[in-house]
Amino acid sequence: MSGTLNKVMLIGHLGDEVKVHYFEGGNCIGRFPLATNESYTNKQTGEKVVNTDWHNIVIRNKAAEICEKYLSKGDKVYVEGRLKNRQWQGEDGQPRYTTEVHVQDFTFLTTKSNSGNSQGNEPNTATQNTQNSSTTQAASSPSNEPHQEDDLPF
């Protein structure tokens, strides 16, 4: 083990629609803002105070397409991933910085009841592992092959 950990878990509401950008070769990347709230009561005034933090969410490939199809502004979602910092040069020549959450797993928390879709088998909750989908698929289906060596550290 390397002795470090970069893991983020958030439950929040989408601040905008999922925007997907497609690249040559079929890959794509989706982005959306996620709002998380903290609320408390001010002891001096007795007033309820709500602080909102905004997070830049980045999701890739099939998971991005699923989010674009089923999520909309205001929906509640759980995301789990890693923090990534990016730097670039703006049009004015000044350096720009951003911190993003690169999603590895997610779950839809808003149920879509009779949202106008005629398909009865659409999921109202989905979990997607964007890094190890082939590993998950192989682990969930029984295999008739002889025992294979795995890379698990335990």
Protein backbone atom coordinates (compact mmCIF):
# COMPACT_ATOMS: atom_id res chain seq x y z
CA MET A 1 0.00 0.00 0.00
CA SER A 2 1.29 3.44 -0.89
CA GLY A 3 0.14 5.03 2.39
CA THR A 4 -2.11 7.63 0.75
CA LEU A 5 -5.82 7.85 0.01
CA ASN A 6 -7.77 10.06 -2.37
CA LYS A 7 -11.47 9.28 -1.98
CA VAL A 8 -14.54 11.52 -2.07
CA MET A 9 -18.14 10.57 -1.30
CA LEU A 10 -20.88 13.13 -1.92
CA ILE A 11 -24.66 13.16 -1.81
CA GLY A 12 -26.14 16.23 -3.44
CA HIS A 13 -28.41 17.73 -6.06
CA LEU A 14 -27.53 18.43 -9.68
CA GLY A 15 -27.20 22.15 -10.34
CA ASP A 16 -27.58 21.74 -14.10
CA GLU A 17 -28.10 19.11 -16.78
CA VAL A 18 -25.30 16.62 -17.50
CA LYS A 19 -23.27 17.90 -20.45
CA VAL A 20 -21.51 15.18 -22.46
CA HIS A 21 -18.67 15.77 -24.93
CA TYR A 22 -17.82 13.00 -27.41
CA PHE A 23 -14.32 12.33 -28.71
CA GLU A 24 -13.01 10.47 -31.74
CA GLY A 25 -12.93 6.76 -31.05
CA GLY A 26 -16.26 6.72 -29.20
CA ASN A 27 -15.10 7.87 -25.76
CA CYS A 28 -16.97 10.63 -23.98
CA ILE A 29 -16.83 12.74 -20.84
CA GLY A 30 -19.74 14.15 -18.87
CA ARG A 31 -19.69 17.10 -16.51
CA PHE A 32 -22.20 18.57 -14.08
CA PRO A 33 -22.23 20.71 -10.95
CA LEU A 34 -23.31 19.07 -7.69
CA ALA A 35 -24.58 21.06 -4.69
CA THR A 36 -24.15 19.85 -1.12
CA ASN A 37 -25.69 21.71 1.82
CA GLU A 38 -24.75 22.21 5.43
CA SER A 39 -27.39 23.66 7.74
CA TYR A 40 -27.24 24.82 11.32
CA THR A 41 -29.04 27.19 13.67
CA ASN A 42 -27.31 30.42 14.60
CA LYS A 43 -27.23 30.41 18.42
CA GLN A 44 -27.30 34.21 18.67
CA THR A 45 -30.22 34.89 16.34
CA GLY A 46 -32.00 31.50 16.34
CA GLU A 47 -32.04 31.72 12.55
CA LYS A 48 -31.50 28.62 10.41
CA VAL A 49 -28.42 29.05 8.17
CA VAL A 50 -27.79 26.95 5.06
CA ASN A 51 -24.37 26.92 3.37
CA THR A 52 -24.12 25.42 -0.10
CA ASP A 53 -20.89 24.06 -1.60
CA TRP A 54 -20.59 23.40 -5.32
CA HIS A 55 -18.53 20.53 -6.72
CA ASN A 56 -17.40 19.96 -10.32
CA ILE A 57 -18.27 16.37 -11.22
CA VAL A 58 -16.57 14.53 -14.11
CA ILE A 59 -17.77 11.14 -15.34
CA ARG A 60 -16.59 9.11 -18.33
CA ASN A 61 -17.80 6.90 -21.16
CA LYS A 62 -20.86 4.65 -20.60
CA ALA A 63 -21.46 6.06 -17.11
CA ALA A 64 -21.61 9.58 -18.60
CA GLU A 65 -24.19 8.44 -21.14
CA ILE A 66 -26.29 6.82 -18.39
CA CYS A 67 -26.17 9.99 -16.29
CA GLU A 68 -27.08 12.15 -19.29
CA LYS A 69 -30.08 9.93 -20.03
CA TYR A 70 -31.50 9.55 -16.51
CA LEU A 71 -30.36 12.57 -14.49
CA SER A 72 -31.74 16.08 -14.69
CA LYS A 73 -31.31 19.34 -12.82
CA GLY A 74 -32.37 19.03 -9.18
CA ASP A 75 -32.04 15.23 -8.97
CA LYS A 76 -30.36 13.79 -5.91
CA VAL A 77 -27.36 11.53 -6.55
CA TYR A 78 -24.58 9.79 -4.63
CA VAL A 79 -21.15 9.97 -6.26
CA GLU A 80 -17.87 8.42 -5.19
CA GLY A 81 -14.53 9.13 -6.75
CA ARG A 82 -11.18 10.91 -6.59
CA LEU A 83 -10.20 14.57 -6.39
CA LYS A 84 -8.22 15.83 -9.37
CA ASN A 85 -6.69 19.30 -9.72
CA ARG A 86 -6.33 20.86 -13.15
CA GLN A 87 -4.47 23.96 -14.32
CA TRP A 88 -4.71 25.71 -17.68
CA GLN A 89 -4.10 29.11 -19.18
CA GLY A 90 -7.15 31.31 -19.72
CA GLU A 91 -7.80 33.41 -22.81
CA ASP A 92 -6.43 36.41 -20.91
CA GLY A 93 -3.14 34.57 -20.33
CA GLN A 94 -3.75 34.10 -16.60
CA PRO A 95 -3.42 30.64 -15.05
CA ARG A 96 -6.73 29.03 -14.06
CA TYR A 97 -7.23 26.25 -11.53
CA THR A 98 -10.07 23.89 -10.75
CA THR A 99 -10.68 20.89 -8.52
CA GLU A 100 -12.89 18.12 -9.91
CA VAL A 101 -14.38 14.92 -8.56
CA HIS A 102 -13.65 12.13 -11.06
CA VAL A 103 -16.45 9.63 -10.47
CA GLN A 104 -15.80 5.93 -10.05
CA ASP A 105 -19.21 4.88 -8.63
CA PHE A 106 -22.61 6.53 -8.47
CA THR A 107 -26.18 5.83 -7.40
CA PHE A 108 -29.32 7.71 -8.40
CA LEU A 109 -31.28 8.69 -5.29
CA THR A 110 -34.24 10.50 -6.90
CA THR A 111 -36.99 8.15 -7.97
CA LYS A 112 -38.61 8.83 -11.32
CA SER A 113 -42.28 7.91 -10.99
CA ASN A 114 -44.23 8.18 -14.25
CA SER A 115 -41.79 10.61 -15.81
CA GLY A 116 -43.43 10.17 -19.22
CA ASN A 117 -41.37 7.21 -20.39
CA SER A 118 -43.26 4.30 -21.89
CA GLN A 119 -40.54 1.82 -20.98
CA GLY A 120 -41.39 0.02 -17.77
CA ASN A 121 -37.95 -1.45 -17.18
CA GLU A 122 -35.94 1.76 -16.79
CA PRO A 123 -33.91 1.90 -13.61
CA ASN A 124 -34.73 4.49 -10.99
CA THR A 125 -31.54 3.56 -9.18
CA ALA A 126 -28.28 2.64 -10.87
CA THR A 127 -24.77 1.88 -9.72
CA GLN A 128 -21.89 1.99 -12.17
CA ASN A 129 -18.24 1.20 -11.56
CA THR A 130 -16.39 2.98 -14.34
CA GLN A 131 -12.94 1.58 -13.64
CA ASN A 132 -13.41 -2.14 -13.10
CA SER A 133 -16.57 -3.07 -14.99
CA SER A 134 -14.92 -6.07 -16.62
CA THR A 135 -13.62 -7.28 -13.25
CA THR A 136 -17.05 -6.87 -11.68
CA GLN A 137 -18.69 -8.69 -14.57
CA ALA A 138 -16.23 -11.57 -14.34
CA ALA A 139 -16.65 -11.82 -10.58
CA SER A 140 -20.44 -11.88 -10.74
CA SER A 141 -20.75 -14.66 -13.33
CA PRO A 142 -19.68 -18.21 -12.52
CA SER A 143 -16.84 -19.54 -14.59
CA ASN A 144 -16.21 -23.07 -15.81
CA GLU A 145 -12.52 -22.31 -16.26
CA PRO A 146 -9.89 -23.70 -13.87
CA HIS A 147 -8.77 -21.49 -10.97
CA GLN A 148 -6.90 -18.41 -12.20
CA GLU A 149 -4.26 -16.51 -10.24
CA ASP A 150 -5.54 -13.11 -9.05
CA ASP A 151 -3.72 -9.97 -7.98
CA LEU A 152 -5.46 -9.48 -4.65
CA PRO A 153 -3.10 -8.41 -1.85
CA PHE A 154 -4.77 -10.66 0.75
